[in-house]
Amino acid sequence: MDTILLYIGIFIFAFFAGFLLAKLVQRKKIGEYEKIGKKILEDAKKEADVIIREASIQAKDNALQARNELEQEIKARRLELQNTEKRLAQKEANLDRKTEIIEKREEELAKKERDVSNRQSTFDKKVREYEGLLVKERERLEKISGLTSEEAKKILMQTMEEAARFESLKISKRIEEEAREQAEKKAKEIVLLAMQRYAGDYVAEDTVSVVPLPGEEMKGRIIGREGRNIRALEAATGVDIIIDDTPEAVILSCFNPIRREVARISIEKLISDGRIHPARIEEIVSKVAEEMEQKIKDAGEQAIFDLGIHNLHPELVKLVGKLKFRSSYAQNVYQHSLEVAFICGIVASELKVNVKDAKRAGLLHDIGKAVDHEIEGSHAMIGADLAKKYGENEDIVHAILAHHEDVEVTGLLDVVVQSADALSGARPGARREMLETYIKRLGDLEQIANSFDGVEKSYAIQAGREIRIVVNSEKVNDETIYMLSKDIAKKIESDLSYPGQIKIVVIRETRAVEYAK
């Protein structure tokens, strides 16, 4: 029992001793923490003081800098104001000087106006005196001549006009006759030689092709079930296919002659093959298009071979071949270009011009017509651009550009190409016109001739290339018929459109009729 109490007493003592010891340790740590806290507070205060001092210094620097900038801006503004004041003062001085000059000029002008006014009054007085004298002289002359002044003036003007017209007619006629004596003979020889040495075929082209069929049942096969075959054909070729009451024939309509030819050959092959369905149509059309490209190339190569032209760009060769399927006024442009090239060579050899360049320019003069449906502009402009693009020299490019006078003719080669083009296009049978257009042109030609004073009758002959005019011999004399033909020619040139040229022949005759009784 005593042992237990002893243990209890020891335990209580140890507990209290430990409690006291923990208290002492805790108080010691609290003291250390307080020292650390005080030190941190002191360091923070010191750092805050430093920051405050630095901020104060920075604020003072910023204020000083702003003050300096403000002072500089004020100085600049003051300097600008001073300069403005100087300029204004200078302008004011200039205005004062100008005002003085203007005042002086106004004084001078007022003085001159007074002088002019005095002179004008004197002049008016003299004019009235002279007019009175003229009236008296005119009245005296009218009494002597028995004519009024207007009648005398009219007679004088008519006499002078007739004399001047007669003299001008004689001079112009003499000049033209002298020029013709020198140039007409040689020109006729060259033109006739060129026409005799070359004669080309005439090929007519339309915008419509007709494909013959072996029988009427073939139309149904071309149309196909629900029209699928004809739709496939039109889509593949780009051509309108017309199937109407025309017996055993299909009509192909298209402005593009190459597409029309591809469609014609494709339909002929499909008819001969017998298998007509969309897949076969696409296959045949694609194959024919490739063959057509080769035909175009072959045609171009044949043309340059026939003409002896070398080093022509392959693209130009292809374009020449395309002209085989192009027509103008129903004249095949490929044949026309060959004709022009041959004629250019013949004329150039007679005129001692470079024959190779002449043939080259003649062949390429209408090359723009191969693509004029794809590019905007006249065929001469398009052709000149193509020739320049593919390396042709400036003389040939200019000849192409000038053959329809889109630019001024400057060289002999331009004239050669123009002449050859006119010969090929204007020769009889070269170009075909619609009957209505042809008859209308003949009627307009005669109507223009009949509209002139003194013309009794007119007759258009030689397919409209010549008009013969019979005049009244009492109204038109032998000298004025020359001027009448000139006036009619100018009127025809301005009012009519026609290929080649029209010859105007004015006929005047004097008949003496008497009766024997």
Protein backbone atom coordinates (compact mmCIF):
# COMPACT_ATOMS: atom_id res chain seq x y z
CA MET A 1 0.00 0.00 0.00
CA ASP A 2 2.77 2.35 0.94
CA THR A 3 4.53 1.46 -2.33
CA ILE A 4 1.51 2.35 -4.34
CA LEU A 5 1.17 5.68 -2.64
CA LEU A 6 4.83 6.28 -3.26
CA TYR A 7 4.40 5.63 -6.97
CA ILE A 8 1.40 7.87 -7.08
CA GLY A 9 3.31 10.64 -5.39
CA ILE A 10 6.21 10.25 -7.80
CA PHE A 11 3.85 10.33 -10.77
CA ILE A 12 2.13 13.49 -9.56
CA PHE A 13 5.50 15.14 -8.93
CA ALA A 14 6.76 14.15 -12.40
CA PHE A 15 3.56 15.48 -13.98
CA PHE A 16 3.83 18.85 -12.35
CA ALA A 17 7.54 19.02 -13.06
CA GLY A 18 6.93 18.27 -16.75
CA PHE A 19 4.13 20.85 -16.87
CA LEU A 20 6.36 23.53 -15.37
CA LEU A 21 9.20 22.60 -17.70
CA ALA A 22 6.86 22.85 -20.78
CA LYS A 23 5.68 26.26 -19.62
CA LEU A 24 9.25 27.46 -19.30
CA VAL A 25 10.14 26.19 -22.82
CA GLN A 26 7.01 27.78 -24.26
CA ARG A 27 7.77 31.15 -22.68
CA LYS A 28 11.34 30.98 -24.01
CA LYS A 29 10.06 30.29 -27.64
CA ILE A 30 7.50 33.10 -27.35
CA GLY A 31 10.31 35.47 -26.41
CA GLU A 32 12.36 34.38 -29.38
CA TYR A 33 9.37 34.80 -31.70
CA GLU A 34 8.73 38.27 -30.36
CA LYS A 35 12.37 39.20 -31.06
CA ILE A 36 12.06 37.85 -34.66
CA GLY A 37 8.76 39.71 -35.17
CA LYS A 38 10.28 42.96 -33.92
CA LYS A 39 13.23 42.49 -36.25
CA ILE A 40 10.89 41.84 -39.24
CA LEU A 41 8.87 44.94 -38.39
CA GLU A 42 12.03 47.02 -38.17
CA ASP A 43 13.26 45.65 -41.56
CA ALA A 44 9.84 46.33 -43.14
CA LYS A 45 9.85 49.88 -41.84
CA LYS A 46 13.33 50.43 -43.20
CA GLU A 47 12.34 48.98 -46.62
CA ALA A 48 9.13 51.07 -46.67
CA ASP A 49 11.17 54.19 -45.92
CA VAL A 50 13.51 53.33 -48.80
CA ILE A 51 10.59 52.74 -51.18
CA ILE A 52 8.93 55.98 -50.09
CA ARG A 53 12.17 57.89 -50.66
CA GLU A 54 12.66 56.29 -54.12
CA ALA A 55 9.03 57.03 -55.10
CA SER A 56 9.42 60.60 -53.97
CA ILE A 57 12.58 60.96 -56.01
CA GLN A 58 10.93 59.36 -59.08
CA ALA A 59 7.91 61.65 -58.75
CA LYS A 60 10.18 64.66 -58.56
CA ASP A 61 12.08 63.43 -61.69
CA ASN A 62 8.82 62.91 -63.61
CA ALA A 63 7.53 66.32 -62.60
CA LEU A 64 10.81 67.89 -63.66
CA GLN A 65 10.76 66.06 -67.02
CA ALA A 66 7.12 67.07 -67.65
CA ARG A 67 8.00 70.63 -66.78
CA ASN A 68 10.94 70.60 -69.23
CA GLU A 69 8.75 69.12 -72.01
CA LEU A 70 6.06 71.74 -71.34
CA GLU A 71 8.63 74.51 -71.47
CA GLN A 72 10.02 73.15 -74.79
CA GLU A 73 6.50 72.94 -76.27
CA ILE A 74 5.75 76.49 -75.10
CA LYS A 75 8.98 77.67 -76.73
CA ALA A 76 8.08 75.88 -80.01
CA ARG A 77 4.59 77.38 -79.97
CA ARG A 78 6.01 80.83 -79.32
CA LEU A 79 8.50 80.38 -82.20
CA GLU A 80 5.70 79.21 -84.51
CA LEU A 81 3.54 82.18 -83.51
CA GLN A 82 6.44 84.53 -84.17
CA ASN A 83 6.98 82.99 -87.64
CA THR A 84 3.26 83.24 -88.39
CA GLU A 85 3.23 86.86 -87.33
CA LYS A 86 6.22 87.54 -89.61
CA ARG A 87 4.50 85.85 -92.56
CA LEU A 88 1.29 87.75 -91.94
CA ALA A 89 3.18 91.00 -91.72
CA GLN A 90 4.98 90.19 -95.00
CA LYS A 91 1.70 89.26 -96.72
CA GLU A 92 0.11 92.46 -95.46
CA ALA A 93 3.01 94.44 -96.89
CA ASN A 94 2.68 92.61 -100.23
CA LEU A 95 -1.06 93.29 -100.28
CA ASP A 96 -0.41 96.94 -99.64
CA ARG A 97 2.03 97.08 -102.55
CA LYS A 98 -0.39 95.20 -104.85
CA THR A 99 -3.20 97.52 -103.81
CA GLU A 100 -1.06 100.52 -104.76
CA ILE A 101 -0.19 98.93 -108.13
CA ILE A 102 -3.86 98.12 -108.81
CA GLU A 103 -4.91 101.65 -107.95
CA LYS A 104 -2.29 103.00 -110.36
CA ARG A 105 -3.46 100.64 -113.10
CA GLU A 106 -7.07 101.60 -112.52
CA GLU A 107 -6.11 105.24 -112.93
CA GLU A 108 -4.26 104.40 -116.17
CA LEU A 109 -7.21 102.35 -117.44
CA ALA A 110 -9.65 105.15 -116.65
CA LYS A 111 -7.44 107.52 -118.58
CA LYS A 112 -7.21 105.09 -121.54
CA GLU A 113 -10.97 104.59 -121.47
CA ARG A 114 -11.48 108.32 -121.75
CA ASP A 115 -9.05 108.42 -124.69
CA VAL A 116 -10.77 105.46 -126.36
CA SER A 117 -14.18 107.03 -125.81
CA ASN A 118 -13.00 110.24 -127.46
CA ARG A 119 -11.49 108.30 -130.36
CA GLN A 120 -14.64 106.17 -130.70
CA SER A 121 -16.83 109.22 -130.99
CA THR A 122 -14.50 110.63 -133.65
CA PHE A 123 -14.43 107.24 -135.44
CA ASP A 124 -18.24 106.93 -135.34
CA LYS A 125 -18.56 110.37 -136.80
CA LYS A 126 -16.20 109.48 -139.66
CA VAL A 127 -17.97 106.14 -140.22
CA ARG A 128 -21.31 107.93 -140.57
CA GLU A 129 -19.73 110.31 -143.07
CA TYR A 130 -18.24 107.41 -145.08
CA GLU A 131 -21.52 105.47 -145.00
CA GLY A 132 -23.32 108.52 -146.34
CA LEU A 133 -20.77 108.79 -149.15
CA LEU A 134 -21.08 105.02 -149.91
CA VAL A 135 -24.88 105.29 -150.11
CA LYS A 136 -24.61 108.20 -152.51
CA GLU A 137 -22.00 106.34 -154.65
CA ARG A 138 -24.09 103.14 -154.64
CA GLU A 139 -27.18 105.03 -155.74
CA ARG A 140 -25.18 106.72 -158.49
CA LEU A 141 -23.73 103.35 -159.68
CA GLU A 142 -27.19 101.68 -159.61
CA LYS A 143 -28.58 104.51 -161.78
CA ILE A 144 -25.69 104.12 -164.24
CA SER A 145 -25.78 100.23 -164.44
CA GLY A 146 -29.53 99.71 -164.06
CA LEU A 147 -28.86 96.94 -161.39
CA THR A 148 -29.19 96.88 -157.64
CA SER A 149 -26.12 96.13 -155.51
CA GLU A 150 -27.45 92.67 -154.54
CA GLU A 151 -28.04 91.74 -158.18
CA ALA A 152 -24.57 92.95 -159.19
CA LYS A 153 -22.98 91.02 -156.28
CA LYS A 154 -24.85 87.83 -157.23
CA ILE A 155 -23.80 88.08 -160.89
CA LEU A 156 -20.18 88.69 -159.87
CA MET A 157 -20.14 85.74 -157.44
CA GLN A 158 -21.68 83.37 -160.00
CA THR A 159 -19.15 84.43 -162.62
CA MET A 160 -16.22 83.98 -160.23
CA GLU A 161 -17.55 80.62 -158.96
CA GLU A 162 -18.00 79.23 -162.47
CA ALA A 163 -14.56 80.45 -163.52
CA ALA A 164 -12.90 78.96 -160.40
CA ARG A 165 -14.79 75.67 -160.78
CA PHE A 166 -13.87 75.42 -164.42
CA GLU A 167 -10.19 76.13 -163.74
CA SER A 168 -10.09 73.64 -160.83
CA LEU A 169 -11.70 70.98 -163.04
CA LYS A 170 -9.11 71.52 -165.74
CA ILE A 171 -6.20 71.45 -163.27
CA SER A 172 -7.41 68.34 -161.40
CA LYS A 173 -8.17 66.55 -164.66
CA ARG A 174 -4.72 67.38 -166.02
CA ILE A 175 -3.00 66.20 -162.82
CA GLU A 176 -4.93 62.91 -162.77
CA GLU A 177 -4.26 62.28 -166.45
CA GLU A 178 -0.54 62.85 -165.92
CA ALA A 179 -0.50 60.49 -162.93
CA ARG A 180 -2.46 57.86 -164.78
CA GLU A 181 -0.13 58.01 -167.77
CA GLN A 182 2.77 57.03 -165.50
CA ALA A 183 1.10 54.61 -163.08
CA GLU A 184 -1.87 53.01 -164.83
CA LYS A 185 0.07 51.02 -167.38
CA LYS A 186 2.46 49.48 -164.85
CA ALA A 187 -0.31 48.83 -162.33
CA LYS A 188 -2.41 47.03 -164.94
CA GLU A 189 0.54 44.89 -165.95
CA ILE A 190 1.27 43.84 -162.35
CA VAL A 191 -2.37 43.15 -161.44
CA LEU A 192 -3.13 41.25 -164.64
CA LEU A 193 0.07 39.24 -164.29
CA ALA A 194 -0.82 38.28 -160.73
CA MET A 195 -4.38 37.29 -161.70
CA GLN A 196 -3.20 35.29 -164.73
CA ARG A 197 -0.46 33.44 -162.87
CA TYR A 198 -2.72 32.30 -160.04
CA ALA A 199 -6.20 30.82 -160.15
CA GLY A 200 -7.57 29.23 -156.98
CA ASP A 201 -10.55 27.05 -156.17
CA TYR A 202 -13.70 28.56 -154.75
CA VAL A 203 -15.12 26.83 -151.69
CA ALA A 204 -18.43 27.87 -150.14
CA GLU A 205 -19.05 27.27 -146.43
CA ASP A 206 -22.29 27.70 -144.47
CA THR A 207 -23.23 27.47 -140.84
CA VAL A 208 -25.29 24.34 -141.59
CA SER A 209 -24.19 20.84 -142.60
CA VAL A 210 -26.47 18.06 -143.84
CA VAL A 211 -25.70 14.41 -143.00
CA PRO A 212 -27.42 11.89 -145.33
CA LEU A 213 -29.04 8.85 -143.66
CA PRO A 214 -29.42 5.34 -145.11
CA GLY A 215 -33.10 5.29 -144.10
CA GLU A 216 -35.79 7.00 -142.07
CA GLU A 217 -35.50 4.47 -139.23
CA MET A 218 -31.98 5.79 -138.54
CA LYS A 219 -33.50 9.05 -137.26
CA GLY A 220 -35.12 7.16 -134.39
CA ARG A 221 -31.82 5.48 -133.52
CA ILE A 222 -30.02 8.84 -133.51
CA ILE A 223 -32.69 10.28 -131.21
CA GLY A 224 -32.53 7.26 -128.91
CA ARG A 225 -34.82 6.23 -126.10
CA GLU A 226 -36.38 9.38 -124.59
CA GLY A 227 -33.88 11.45 -126.63
CA ARG A 228 -30.76 10.31 -124.72
CA ASN A 229 -28.64 9.73 -127.85
CA ILE A 230 -29.32 13.13 -129.42
CA ARG A 231 -28.71 14.83 -126.06
CA ALA A 232 -25.40 13.00 -125.70
CA LEU A 233 -24.41 14.01 -129.25
CA GLU A 234 -25.26 17.69 -128.66
CA ALA A 235 -23.46 17.73 -125.31
CA ALA A 236 -20.30 16.06 -126.71
CA THR A 237 -20.05 18.15 -129.89
CA GLY A 238 -21.62 21.49 -128.91
CA VAL A 239 -23.71 21.42 -132.10
CA ASP A 240 -27.48 21.79 -132.53
CA ILE A 241 -28.85 18.66 -134.24
CA ILE A 242 -32.10 19.29 -136.12
CA ILE A 243 -34.22 16.29 -137.08
CA ASP A 244 -37.25 17.43 -139.07
CA ASP A 245 -39.31 16.31 -142.08
CA THR A 246 -36.29 16.41 -144.39
CA PRO A 247 -36.23 12.90 -145.89
CA GLU A 248 -33.24 10.72 -144.97
CA ALA A 249 -31.15 13.63 -143.64
CA VAL A 250 -30.08 15.22 -140.36
CA ILE A 251 -29.16 18.93 -140.17
CA LEU A 252 -26.26 20.15 -138.02
CA SER A 253 -26.30 23.83 -137.06
CA CYS A 254 -23.37 25.65 -135.42
CA PHE A 255 -21.39 28.83 -136.00
CA ASN A 256 -18.15 27.02 -135.14
CA PRO A 257 -17.22 25.14 -138.34
CA ILE A 258 -14.72 22.86 -136.59
CA ARG A 259 -17.32 21.62 -134.12
CA ARG A 260 -19.79 21.18 -136.97
CA GLU A 261 -17.27 19.11 -138.94
CA VAL A 262 -16.46 16.97 -135.88
CA ALA A 263 -20.19 16.35 -135.39
CA ARG A 264 -20.71 15.46 -139.07
CA ILE A 265 -17.86 12.94 -139.15
CA SER A 266 -18.88 11.48 -135.78
CA ILE A 267 -22.48 10.88 -136.93
CA GLU A 268 -21.30 9.30 -140.17
CA LYS A 269 -19.04 6.93 -138.23
CA LEU A 270 -21.81 6.07 -135.77
CA ILE A 271 -24.17 5.31 -138.66
CA SER A 272 -21.63 3.07 -140.37
CA ASP A 273 -20.75 1.36 -137.07
CA GLY A 274 -24.38 0.81 -136.07
CA ARG A 275 -23.73 0.99 -132.31
CA ILE A 276 -25.37 4.23 -131.17
CA HIS A 277 -25.50 4.82 -127.42
CA PRO A 278 -24.13 7.56 -125.09
CA ALA A 279 -20.88 5.77 -124.17
CA ARG A 280 -20.09 4.96 -127.83
CA ILE A 281 -21.00 8.53 -128.84
CA GLU A 282 -18.48 10.02 -126.37
CA GLU A 283 -15.79 7.60 -127.56
CA ILE A 284 -16.33 8.37 -131.27
CA VAL A 285 -16.53 12.15 -130.75
CA SER A 286 -13.30 12.14 -128.72
CA LYS A 287 -11.51 10.11 -131.38
CA VAL A 288 -12.79 12.33 -134.23
CA ALA A 289 -11.74 15.47 -132.33
CA GLU A 290 -8.19 14.10 -132.09
CA GLU A 291 -8.22 13.31 -135.81
CA MET A 292 -9.49 16.83 -136.52
CA GLU A 293 -6.57 18.34 -134.59
CA GLN A 294 -4.19 16.35 -136.79
CA LYS A 295 -6.07 17.45 -139.95
CA ILE A 296 -5.76 21.08 -138.88
CA LYS A 297 -2.03 20.67 -138.29
CA ASP A 298 -1.59 18.89 -141.65
CA ALA A 299 -3.50 21.66 -143.48
CA GLY A 300 -1.28 24.32 -141.93
CA GLU A 301 1.90 22.43 -142.78
CA GLN A 302 0.69 21.88 -146.34
CA ALA A 303 0.07 25.62 -146.74
CA ILE A 304 3.56 26.64 -145.59
CA PHE A 305 5.07 23.86 -147.73
CA ASP A 306 3.21 25.07 -150.85
CA LEU A 307 4.35 28.64 -150.22
CA GLY A 308 7.93 27.77 -149.27
CA ILE A 309 7.70 29.50 -145.88
CA HIS A 310 10.11 28.39 -143.16
CA ASN A 311 10.51 28.85 -139.39
CA LEU A 312 6.84 29.56 -138.75
CA HIS A 313 5.85 29.03 -135.11
CA PRO A 314 3.92 25.75 -134.56
CA GLU A 315 0.97 27.64 -133.02
CA LEU A 316 0.71 29.85 -136.11
CA VAL A 317 0.83 26.73 -138.29
CA LYS A 318 -2.10 25.32 -136.33
CA LEU A 319 -4.04 28.59 -136.66
CA VAL A 320 -3.46 28.58 -140.43
CA GLY A 321 -4.92 25.07 -140.53
CA LYS A 322 -7.99 26.23 -138.60
CA LEU A 323 -8.71 28.76 -141.35
CA LYS A 324 -9.67 25.81 -143.59
CA PHE A 325 -12.89 25.58 -141.61
CA ARG A 326 -13.56 29.35 -141.52
CA SER A 327 -15.42 31.32 -144.18
CA SER A 328 -16.01 35.02 -144.87
CA TYR A 329 -18.79 36.09 -147.25
CA ALA A 330 -18.90 32.37 -148.19
CA GLN A 331 -15.24 32.53 -149.27
CA ASN A 332 -13.02 29.95 -147.56
CA VAL A 333 -10.47 31.91 -145.53
CA TYR A 334 -7.79 29.20 -145.90
CA GLN A 335 -8.00 29.34 -149.70
CA HIS A 336 -8.29 33.13 -149.56
CA SER A 337 -5.10 33.34 -147.46
CA LEU A 338 -3.25 31.09 -149.90
CA GLU A 339 -4.46 33.24 -152.82
CA VAL A 340 -3.34 36.42 -151.09
CA ALA A 341 0.06 34.88 -150.28
CA PHE A 342 0.63 33.79 -153.89
CA ILE A 343 -0.51 37.16 -155.27
CA CYS A 344 1.68 38.98 -152.72
CA GLY A 345 4.68 36.97 -153.89
CA ILE A 346 3.99 37.75 -157.56
CA VAL A 347 3.42 41.47 -156.97
CA ALA A 348 6.46 41.68 -154.67
CA SER A 349 8.70 40.09 -157.30
CA GLU A 350 7.57 42.71 -159.83
CA LEU A 351 8.12 45.57 -157.37
CA LYS A 352 11.49 44.20 -156.14
CA VAL A 353 10.17 43.69 -152.59
CA ASN A 354 11.24 40.75 -150.37
CA VAL A 355 9.12 37.89 -151.78
CA LYS A 356 9.37 35.65 -148.69
CA ASP A 357 8.18 38.40 -146.36
CA ALA A 358 5.36 39.26 -148.77
CA LYS A 359 4.14 35.64 -148.89
CA ARG A 360 4.44 35.35 -145.11
CA ALA A 361 2.42 38.54 -144.54
CA GLY A 362 -0.17 37.46 -147.13
CA LEU A 363 -0.65 34.06 -145.49
CA LEU A 364 -0.97 35.54 -141.99
CA HIS A 365 -3.02 38.66 -142.85
CA ASP A 366 -6.32 37.02 -141.79
CA ILE A 367 -4.89 34.76 -139.06
CA GLY A 368 -7.02 36.60 -136.48
CA LYS A 369 -10.17 35.06 -138.04
CA ALA A 370 -9.10 31.67 -136.64
CA VAL A 371 -9.83 32.88 -133.09
CA ASP A 372 -11.95 36.03 -133.55
CA HIS A 373 -14.93 34.19 -132.01
CA GLU A 374 -12.89 33.68 -128.82
CA ILE A 375 -11.09 37.05 -128.46
CA GLU A 376 -12.59 40.55 -128.51
CA GLY A 377 -11.45 42.97 -131.23
CA SER A 378 -11.10 43.18 -135.01
CA HIS A 379 -9.42 40.26 -136.77
CA ALA A 380 -6.59 42.55 -137.94
CA MET A 381 -5.78 43.59 -134.35
CA ILE A 382 -6.05 40.00 -133.09
CA GLY A 383 -3.86 38.71 -135.95
CA ALA A 384 -1.19 41.37 -135.34
CA ASP A 385 -1.09 40.49 -131.62
CA LEU A 386 -0.74 36.78 -132.41
CA ALA A 387 2.01 37.38 -134.97
CA LYS A 388 3.91 39.56 -132.51
CA LYS A 389 3.43 37.02 -129.73
CA TYR A 390 4.89 34.20 -131.84
CA GLY A 391 7.97 36.09 -133.02
CA GLU A 392 7.09 37.63 -136.41
CA ASN A 393 9.04 40.75 -137.36
CA GLU A 394 7.62 44.27 -137.11
CA ASP A 395 7.08 44.70 -140.88
CA ILE A 396 4.82 41.63 -141.07
CA VAL A 397 2.96 42.60 -137.88
CA HIS A 398 2.33 46.10 -139.28
CA ALA A 399 1.20 44.71 -142.66
CA ILE A 400 -1.37 42.49 -140.87
CA LEU A 401 -2.54 45.45 -138.81
CA ALA A 402 -2.77 47.79 -141.83
CA HIS A 403 -4.48 45.53 -144.37
CA HIS A 404 -7.88 46.98 -143.36
CA GLU A 405 -6.40 50.40 -142.53
CA ASP A 406 -6.71 49.96 -138.76
CA VAL A 407 -3.42 51.87 -138.71
CA GLU A 408 -1.80 54.14 -141.27
CA VAL A 409 -0.05 52.44 -144.21
CA THR A 410 3.68 53.19 -143.93
CA GLY A 411 5.55 50.69 -146.09
CA LEU A 412 5.42 49.06 -149.51
CA LEU A 413 4.71 45.66 -147.92
CA ASP A 414 1.48 47.09 -146.42
CA VAL A 415 0.34 48.20 -149.88
CA VAL A 416 1.19 44.82 -151.43
CA VAL A 417 -0.90 42.95 -148.83
CA GLN A 418 -3.82 45.39 -149.19
CA SER A 419 -3.81 45.04 -152.97
CA ALA A 420 -3.59 41.24 -152.91
CA ASP A 421 -6.39 41.02 -150.33
CA ALA A 422 -8.61 43.23 -152.51
CA LEU A 423 -7.83 41.15 -155.62
CA SER A 424 -8.65 37.86 -153.91
CA GLY A 425 -11.85 39.14 -152.32
CA ALA A 426 -13.19 41.22 -155.21
CA ARG A 427 -12.61 38.90 -158.16
CA PRO A 428 -15.85 37.63 -159.78
CA GLY A 429 -17.22 34.57 -157.99
CA ALA A 430 -14.93 34.90 -154.98
CA ARG A 431 -17.65 35.81 -152.54
CA ARG A 432 -21.35 35.05 -152.40
CA GLU A 433 -24.08 37.31 -151.15
CA MET A 434 -27.73 36.74 -150.42
CA LEU A 435 -29.98 37.59 -153.37
CA GLU A 436 -31.94 40.18 -151.40
CA THR A 437 -28.77 41.98 -150.27
CA TYR A 438 -27.38 41.93 -153.80
CA ILE A 439 -30.58 43.34 -155.38
CA LYS A 440 -30.88 45.99 -152.65
CA ARG A 441 -27.30 47.13 -153.28
CA LEU A 442 -27.98 47.51 -157.01
CA GLY A 443 -31.14 49.53 -156.27
CA ASP A 444 -29.30 51.77 -153.79
CA LEU A 445 -26.54 52.29 -156.33
CA GLU A 446 -28.95 53.50 -159.02
CA GLN A 447 -30.89 55.58 -156.49
CA ILE A 448 -27.73 57.44 -155.43
CA ALA A 449 -26.85 58.19 -159.05
CA ASN A 450 -30.40 59.40 -159.86
CA SER A 451 -30.37 61.79 -156.88
CA PHE A 452 -27.92 64.15 -158.63
CA ASP A 453 -29.17 67.06 -160.71
CA GLY A 454 -28.89 66.54 -164.47
CA VAL A 455 -28.96 62.69 -164.35
CA GLU A 456 -31.62 61.17 -166.61
CA LYS A 457 -31.00 57.43 -166.24
CA SER A 458 -28.55 55.09 -164.50
CA TYR A 459 -27.82 51.39 -164.99
CA ALA A 460 -25.89 49.14 -162.57
CA ILE A 461 -24.01 46.51 -164.61
CA GLN A 462 -21.19 43.99 -164.17
CA ALA A 463 -22.82 42.55 -161.01
CA GLY A 464 -22.82 45.97 -159.41
CA ARG A 465 -19.14 46.66 -160.07
CA GLU A 466 -19.93 49.35 -162.66
CA ILE A 467 -22.64 51.96 -163.03
CA ARG A 468 -23.33 53.85 -166.25
CA ILE A 469 -25.05 57.20 -165.92
CA VAL A 470 -26.74 59.09 -168.77
CA VAL A 471 -26.97 62.85 -168.17
CA ASN A 472 -28.98 65.66 -169.80
CA SER A 473 -26.67 67.39 -172.26
CA GLU A 474 -28.44 70.73 -171.74
CA LYS A 475 -27.90 70.72 -167.95
CA VAL A 476 -24.42 69.11 -167.82
CA ASN A 477 -21.55 70.16 -170.08
CA ASP A 478 -18.37 68.29 -171.04
CA GLU A 479 -16.36 69.82 -168.20
CA THR A 480 -18.82 69.30 -165.34
CA ILE A 481 -19.37 65.59 -166.03
CA TYR A 482 -15.89 65.00 -164.61
CA MET A 483 -16.84 66.67 -161.32
CA LEU A 484 -20.22 64.88 -161.35
CA SER A 485 -18.49 61.48 -161.51
CA LYS A 486 -16.30 62.51 -158.56
CA ASP A 487 -19.31 63.59 -156.49
CA ILE A 488 -21.21 60.37 -157.24
CA ALA A 489 -18.14 58.28 -156.30
CA LYS A 490 -17.82 60.09 -152.95
CA LYS A 491 -21.53 59.61 -152.25
CA ILE A 492 -21.31 55.87 -153.01
CA GLU A 493 -18.23 55.50 -150.78
CA SER A 494 -19.96 57.19 -147.85
CA ASP A 495 -23.41 55.55 -148.15
CA LEU A 496 -22.80 51.99 -149.42
CA SER A 497 -20.91 48.94 -148.19
CA TYR A 498 -19.50 46.76 -150.98
CA PRO A 499 -16.51 44.52 -151.78
CA GLY A 500 -13.79 45.76 -154.12
CA GLN A 501 -14.48 48.90 -156.13
CA ILE A 502 -17.25 50.35 -158.33
CA LYS A 503 -16.58 52.06 -161.65
CA ILE A 504 -18.64 55.19 -162.38
CA VAL A 505 -19.11 56.04 -166.08
CA VAL A 506 -20.93 59.30 -166.93
CA ILE A 507 -22.21 59.52 -170.53
CA ARG A 508 -23.21 62.78 -172.23
CA GLU A 509 -24.23 63.09 -175.85
CA THR A 510 -25.54 65.88 -178.03
CA ARG A 511 -28.08 64.97 -180.71
CA ALA A 512 -28.96 67.15 -183.69
CA VAL A 513 -32.37 66.30 -185.18
CA GLU A 514 -33.74 67.85 -188.38
CA TYR A 515 -36.50 66.85 -190.77
CA ALA A 516 -36.30 67.00 -194.57
CA LYS A 517 -39.57 68.22 -196.05
